[in-house]
Every structure is written in C-alpha cells, then in structure tokens.
C-alpha cells in the first residue's frame, strides 16, 4: 500500500519526495545541504547531472510503499520516462539543519 507523501515521517524526506513528484527543481534543491552528495546503485554520482537525467528531464515520480529508520529509509516504486518503473530503495542522511546531506538510491 502506498504511503501518501504528506504522511511521510521525516520532514526533509517528505519535502524531497514532494518536490520530485511535483517536478519542482527549486523546491528539490532547497531540501539539500549546499554540499550534498548522492549514490546510485552503490556508485557516487555527480548530483546535478543525476537529478537532471533521472528526475527532471525524464519526469521522475516516487510512490513510497514503506519507510523505516524514522522515515529516512524508503522502499517504493520509482518511474521515469527513461527506465519505466522499478522497485527502489532510498536512504537519507539529514544534517543538523534539517537538510539532506546525502541520499543513496538503487534497485530494491
């Protein structure tokens, strides 16, 4: 069963998912710390290139099926125009200011 975005536990993660699904780059970037990093399937990636390719230019969308670790670990169905839909996991590190310092994603 899908968890509504507004019901996700962690405020930073909730804002991240909402921005992805709204295709709102400005709101998305506001969820990240200035030096945020990310990894996809275990490999560190260039954040700007990855979000453009995997989220914003390909209409990314995340439906969360479950959360753990206080809402900082998600499993859900991610889809975009490039890859279609796949089951993915997402892990977030949130800094002391409530912004995402790192996220890691990959197939679940």
Protein backbone atom coordinates (compact mmCIF):
# COMPACT_ATOMS: atom_id res chain seq x y z
CA UNK A 1 0.00 0.00 0.00
CA UNK A 2 1.34 3.40 -0.93
CA UNK A 3 2.09 5.92 1.81
CA UNK A 4 0.81 9.39 0.95
CA UNK A 5 3.68 11.85 0.67
CA UNK A 6 2.10 14.11 3.29
CA UNK A 7 2.25 11.23 5.78
CA UNK A 8 5.98 10.52 5.47
CA UNK A 9 7.62 10.82 8.88
CA UNK A 10 10.78 12.82 8.24
CA UNK A 11 10.13 16.45 7.16
CA UNK A 12 13.22 16.67 4.91
CA UNK A 13 12.43 13.39 3.17
CA UNK A 14 8.77 14.40 2.84
CA UNK A 15 9.83 17.66 1.13
CA UNK A 16 12.27 15.75 -1.12
CA UNK A 17 9.60 13.30 -2.33
CA UNK A 18 7.04 16.08 -2.77
CA UNK A 19 9.48 18.09 -4.88
CA UNK A 20 10.36 15.08 -7.04
CA UNK A 21 6.71 14.30 -7.67
CA UNK A 22 5.86 17.95 -8.39
CA UNK A 23 8.84 18.19 -10.77
CA UNK A 24 9.87 21.28 -8.81
CA UNK A 25 13.64 21.65 -9.18
CA UNK A 26 13.82 24.76 -6.96
CA UNK A 27 11.96 23.06 -4.10
CA UNK A 28 14.06 19.93 -4.59
CA UNK A 29 17.34 21.83 -4.36
CA UNK A 30 16.06 23.59 -1.24
CA UNK A 31 15.83 20.20 0.52
CA UNK A 32 19.57 19.59 0.02
CA UNK A 33 22.51 20.91 2.01
CA UNK A 34 24.95 23.00 -0.09
CA UNK A 35 27.48 20.15 -0.24
CA UNK A 36 25.01 17.28 -0.65
CA UNK A 37 26.16 14.05 -2.28
CA UNK A 38 24.41 11.00 -3.67
CA UNK A 39 24.96 7.47 -4.90
CA UNK A 40 23.02 5.28 -7.32
CA UNK A 41 23.38 1.50 -7.05
CA UNK A 42 26.43 1.97 -4.82
CA UNK A 43 28.33 4.36 -7.10
CA UNK A 44 28.77 8.03 -6.20
CA UNK A 45 27.36 10.21 -8.96
CA UNK A 46 27.51 13.87 -9.93
CA UNK A 47 24.42 15.19 -8.18
CA UNK A 48 23.46 17.87 -10.72
CA UNK A 49 23.82 15.56 -13.72
CA UNK A 50 21.97 12.72 -11.99
CA UNK A 51 18.96 14.75 -10.88
CA UNK A 52 18.62 16.31 -14.31
CA UNK A 53 18.80 12.95 -16.11
CA UNK A 54 16.93 10.74 -13.64
CA UNK A 55 14.33 13.15 -12.23
CA UNK A 56 13.67 16.41 -14.01
CA UNK A 57 14.23 15.78 -17.73
CA UNK A 58 12.63 12.34 -17.50
CA UNK A 59 9.55 13.10 -15.35
CA UNK A 60 10.62 11.12 -12.28
CA UNK A 61 7.98 10.03 -9.78
CA UNK A 62 8.26 8.11 -6.50
CA UNK A 63 5.47 6.21 -4.77
CA UNK A 64 6.57 5.12 -1.30
CA UNK A 65 5.47 1.68 -0.14
CA UNK A 66 7.18 1.66 3.26
CA UNK A 67 9.52 3.64 5.42
CA UNK A 68 11.88 2.80 8.27
CA UNK A 69 14.69 4.42 10.26
CA UNK A 70 12.44 7.28 11.35
CA UNK A 71 11.38 7.93 7.78
CA UNK A 72 14.92 8.18 6.45
CA UNK A 73 14.82 4.85 4.61
CA UNK A 74 12.19 4.27 1.95
CA UNK A 75 11.21 1.48 -0.41
CA UNK A 76 8.92 2.32 -3.26
CA UNK A 77 8.20 2.36 -6.95
CA UNK A 78 10.19 4.89 -8.92
CA UNK A 79 9.41 5.61 -12.53
CA UNK A 80 10.67 7.93 -15.21
CA UNK A 81 10.45 8.21 -18.97
CA UNK A 82 13.89 6.64 -19.44
CA UNK A 83 13.69 3.45 -17.36
CA UNK A 84 9.99 2.92 -16.75
CA UNK A 85 9.01 1.71 -13.27
CA UNK A 86 11.24 -0.16 -10.85
CA UNK A 87 11.24 -1.04 -7.17
CA UNK A 88 13.83 1.15 -5.46
CA UNK A 89 15.28 1.84 -2.04
CA UNK A 90 16.24 5.28 -0.78
CA UNK A 91 18.39 6.12 2.25
CA UNK A 92 18.82 9.66 3.51
CA UNK A 93 21.28 11.40 5.80
CA UNK A 94 19.83 14.61 7.20
CA UNK A 95 22.12 17.28 8.66
CA UNK A 96 21.60 19.29 11.83
CA UNK A 97 19.75 21.99 9.91
CA UNK A 98 17.15 19.54 8.61
CA UNK A 99 18.52 19.36 5.08
CA UNK A 100 19.54 16.26 3.17
CA UNK A 101 23.32 15.88 3.20
CA UNK A 102 23.34 12.61 1.27
CA UNK A 103 20.92 10.26 -0.39
CA UNK A 104 21.55 6.82 -1.77
CA UNK A 105 19.21 5.02 -4.11
CA UNK A 106 19.18 1.83 -6.10
CA UNK A 107 17.08 -1.12 -7.08
CA UNK A 108 15.43 -2.88 -4.16
